[in-house]
């Protein structure tokens, strides 16, 4: 198990709005990009992460102080 990678991934899912949106849209692709960045995840960990209810990530993220969040400024732009 790559416990440190799981900790980093969960932290990122809860504090990085753009990454969370990408994960919710396509978990496999988001996790592949995460792994390509040098993080280790076992097949068991990937299965567990993708089996979790998707609404959980947004619900928990909503409880985190906004000062600790990385906002997705792209969604707020007016084009």
Foldseek 3Di string as FASTA:
>chain_A
DQVVLVVVVLLCLLAEPVLVVVCLVPVVVSVVVSVVVPGDDDPVRSVVVVPDPSVVSVVNSVVDPNVRHDDDCVVVDDD
